[in-house]
Amino acid sequence: LCMLNVITGVFVESALLTAKADKDMYMVNHLKSLFKAGDRDGNGNINWMEFSKMLRSTEMREVLEAVEVDTNEAEALFKLIDMDDSGEVDINEFISGCERLRGPAKALDLTVLKLDTRKLSEKYRKHARLVESHISWTSNFLLNLARQQSSMHESEAI
């Protein structure tokens, strides 16, 4: 009886893993077909306009439901899956972005936060470099001004 339970457990686990793999494969194939249908100009990329049109389809809404993303958050989703900030998403970005978001909607919130943090960090770095260059310029200007005044005072003393 114990051996039968073990064999049954192994069989059930194997069946569950196979079902998950099948579901994952179906999802990837479904995403590919959605992408190809959404790529209206055929350039291999989807921009925001094409993506927003895709949202009108039942299939796309089902995909978003499957990854637990509300259609109201679609623009944030598009920005998230556009990893290179090009304004367009290729098929690999689209599939990997949708797969990453599977699970609770909290994953979307964390991913949005990560994206926002990355953008703010880059803005901060650019601003810091600008401030440093202005400080350096101001410092050099004041140093030269002080030298000129010092040399003027020496000239007057002579």
Protein backbone atom coordinates (compact mmCIF):
# COMPACT_ATOMS: atom_id res chain seq x y z
CA LEU A 1 0.00 0.00 0.00
CA CYS A 2 2.84 2.41 0.83
CA MET A 3 4.56 1.60 -2.45
CA LEU A 4 1.31 2.23 -4.36
CA ASN A 5 0.95 5.64 -2.67
CA VAL A 6 4.51 6.58 -3.66
CA ILE A 7 3.95 5.50 -7.26
CA THR A 8 0.65 7.40 -7.38
CA GLY A 9 2.37 10.50 -5.93
CA VAL A 10 5.15 10.36 -8.52
CA PHE A 11 2.59 9.92 -11.31
CA VAL A 12 0.46 12.85 -10.10
CA GLU A 13 3.50 15.11 -9.72
CA SER A 14 4.70 14.18 -13.21
CA ALA A 15 1.23 14.87 -14.63
CA LEU A 16 1.13 18.28 -12.88
CA LEU A 17 4.56 19.25 -14.22
CA THR A 18 3.56 18.18 -17.73
CA ALA A 19 0.33 20.16 -17.49
CA LYS A 20 2.26 23.24 -16.34
CA ALA A 21 4.75 22.87 -19.20
CA ASP A 22 1.86 22.50 -21.66
CA LYS A 23 0.16 25.57 -20.22
CA ASP A 24 3.41 27.56 -20.46
CA MET A 25 3.95 26.44 -24.06
CA TYR A 26 0.37 27.36 -24.94
CA MET A 27 0.87 30.79 -23.36
CA VAL A 28 4.07 31.44 -25.34
CA ASN A 29 2.46 30.35 -28.63
CA HIS A 30 -0.62 32.42 -27.84
CA LEU A 31 1.55 35.48 -27.09
CA LYS A 32 3.41 35.00 -30.37
CA SER A 33 0.20 34.91 -32.36
CA LEU A 34 -1.14 37.97 -30.51
CA PHE A 35 2.09 39.82 -31.20
CA LYS A 36 2.02 38.99 -34.91
CA ALA A 37 -1.63 40.09 -35.16
CA GLY A 38 -0.85 43.31 -33.27
CA ASP A 39 2.18 44.21 -35.40
CA ARG A 40 0.06 46.05 -37.96
CA ASP A 41 2.92 47.57 -39.93
CA GLY A 42 4.90 44.30 -39.98
CA ASN A 43 8.17 45.79 -38.75
CA GLY A 44 8.66 43.16 -36.02
CA ASN A 45 7.91 45.65 -33.24
CA ILE A 46 4.81 46.92 -31.49
CA ASN A 47 4.56 50.55 -30.46
CA TRP A 48 2.13 51.95 -27.88
CA MET A 49 -0.52 52.72 -30.51
CA GLU A 50 -0.47 49.13 -31.80
CA PHE A 51 -0.42 47.77 -28.25
CA SER A 52 -3.41 49.87 -27.23
CA LYS A 53 -5.32 48.54 -30.26
CA MET A 54 -4.41 45.01 -29.19
CA LEU A 55 -6.12 45.67 -25.85
CA ARG A 56 -9.46 45.79 -27.62
CA SER A 57 -9.22 42.11 -28.52
CA THR A 58 -10.74 39.48 -26.28
CA GLU A 59 -7.59 37.37 -26.59
CA MET A 60 -5.35 40.14 -25.26
CA ARG A 61 -7.70 40.87 -22.37
CA GLU A 62 -7.63 37.15 -21.51
CA VAL A 63 -3.83 37.17 -21.51
CA LEU A 64 -3.81 40.18 -19.19
CA GLU A 65 -6.31 38.44 -16.94
CA ALA A 66 -4.09 35.34 -16.90
CA VAL A 67 -1.13 37.40 -15.66
CA GLU A 68 -3.47 39.31 -13.35
CA VAL A 69 -2.96 42.72 -14.93
CA ASP A 70 -5.86 45.14 -15.17
CA THR A 71 -6.32 46.74 -18.61
CA ASN A 72 -6.20 50.13 -16.85
CA GLU A 73 -2.54 49.35 -16.08
CA ALA A 74 -1.75 48.52 -19.72
CA GLU A 75 0.35 51.62 -20.37
CA ALA A 76 2.50 50.81 -17.34
CA LEU A 77 2.77 47.24 -18.60
CA PHE A 78 3.91 48.46 -22.02
CA LYS A 79 6.56 50.67 -20.44
CA LEU A 80 7.72 47.76 -18.31
CA ILE A 81 8.12 45.31 -21.13
CA ASP A 82 9.89 47.96 -23.24
CA MET A 83 13.16 47.21 -21.48
CA ASP A 84 15.32 49.36 -23.76
CA ASP A 85 12.99 52.41 -23.58
CA SER A 86 12.79 52.51 -27.39
CA GLY A 87 9.04 53.14 -27.46
CA GLU A 88 8.64 49.82 -29.23
CA VAL A 89 8.54 46.23 -28.03
CA ASP A 90 9.92 43.31 -30.02
CA ILE A 91 8.53 39.80 -29.72
CA ASN A 92 11.13 38.70 -27.15
CA GLU A 93 10.46 41.70 -24.90
CA PHE A 94 6.73 41.07 -25.24
CA ILE A 95 6.87 37.38 -24.32
CA SER A 96 9.43 37.69 -21.52
CA GLY A 97 7.65 40.75 -20.12
CA CYS A 98 4.29 38.97 -19.99
CA GLU A 99 5.86 35.85 -18.46
CA ARG A 100 7.64 37.88 -15.76
CA LEU A 101 4.36 39.35 -14.67
CA ARG A 102 2.63 36.07 -13.95
CA GLY A 103 1.46 35.86 -10.39
CA PRO A 104 -0.08 38.40 -8.10
CA ALA A 105 -0.63 41.93 -9.31
CA LYS A 106 1.86 43.01 -6.65
CA ALA A 107 4.58 41.85 -9.05
CA LEU A 108 3.46 44.59 -11.45
CA ASP A 109 3.64 47.19 -8.70
CA LEU A 110 7.17 46.13 -7.78
CA THR A 111 8.25 46.11 -11.39
CA VAL A 112 6.81 49.61 -11.95
CA LEU A 113 8.67 50.75 -8.85
CA LYS A 114 11.89 49.21 -10.17
CA LEU A 115 11.46 50.99 -13.50
CA ASP A 116 10.68 54.32 -11.85
CA THR A 117 13.67 53.96 -9.54
CA ARG A 118 15.96 53.22 -12.46
CA LYS A 119 14.71 56.28 -14.36
CA LEU A 120 15.02 58.54 -11.30
CA SER A 121 18.50 57.23 -10.61
CA GLU A 122 19.60 58.08 -14.14
CA LYS A 123 18.05 61.57 -13.87
CA TYR A 124 19.85 62.07 -10.55
CA ARG A 125 23.18 61.01 -12.07
CA LYS A 126 22.75 63.42 -14.99
CA HIS A 127 21.77 66.25 -12.64
CA ALA A 128 24.68 65.52 -10.32
CA ARG A 129 27.13 65.66 -13.25
CA LEU A 130 25.60 68.97 -14.36
CA VAL A 131 25.86 70.44 -10.85
CA GLU A 132 29.47 69.24 -10.56
CA SER A 133 30.38 70.90 -13.85
CA HIS A 134 28.70 74.16 -12.77
CA ILE A 135 30.48 74.10 -9.42
CA SER A 136 33.80 73.43 -11.15
CA TRP A 137 33.20 76.31 -13.59
CA THR A 138 32.17 78.66 -10.76
CA SER A 139 35.19 77.66 -8.70
CA ASN A 140 37.56 78.30 -11.62
CA PHE A 141 35.85 81.60 -12.37
CA LEU A 142 36.18 82.79 -8.75
CA LEU A 143 39.78 81.62 -8.59
CA ASN A 144 40.65 83.55 -11.77
CA LEU A 145 38.75 86.59 -10.49
CA ALA A 146 40.68 86.48 -7.22
CA ARG A 147 43.97 86.23 -9.13
CA GLN A 148 43.03 89.22 -11.29
CA GLN A 149 42.14 91.30 -8.24
CA SER A 150 45.34 90.26 -6.51
CA SER A 151 47.42 91.25 -9.51
CA MET A 152 45.51 94.58 -9.74
CA HIS A 153 46.29 95.31 -6.10
CA GLU A 154 49.96 94.49 -6.66
CA SER A 155 50.02 96.82 -9.72
CA GLU A 156 48.47 99.64 -7.70
CA ALA A 157 50.99 99.16 -4.92
CA ILE A 158 53.88 99.67 -7.29
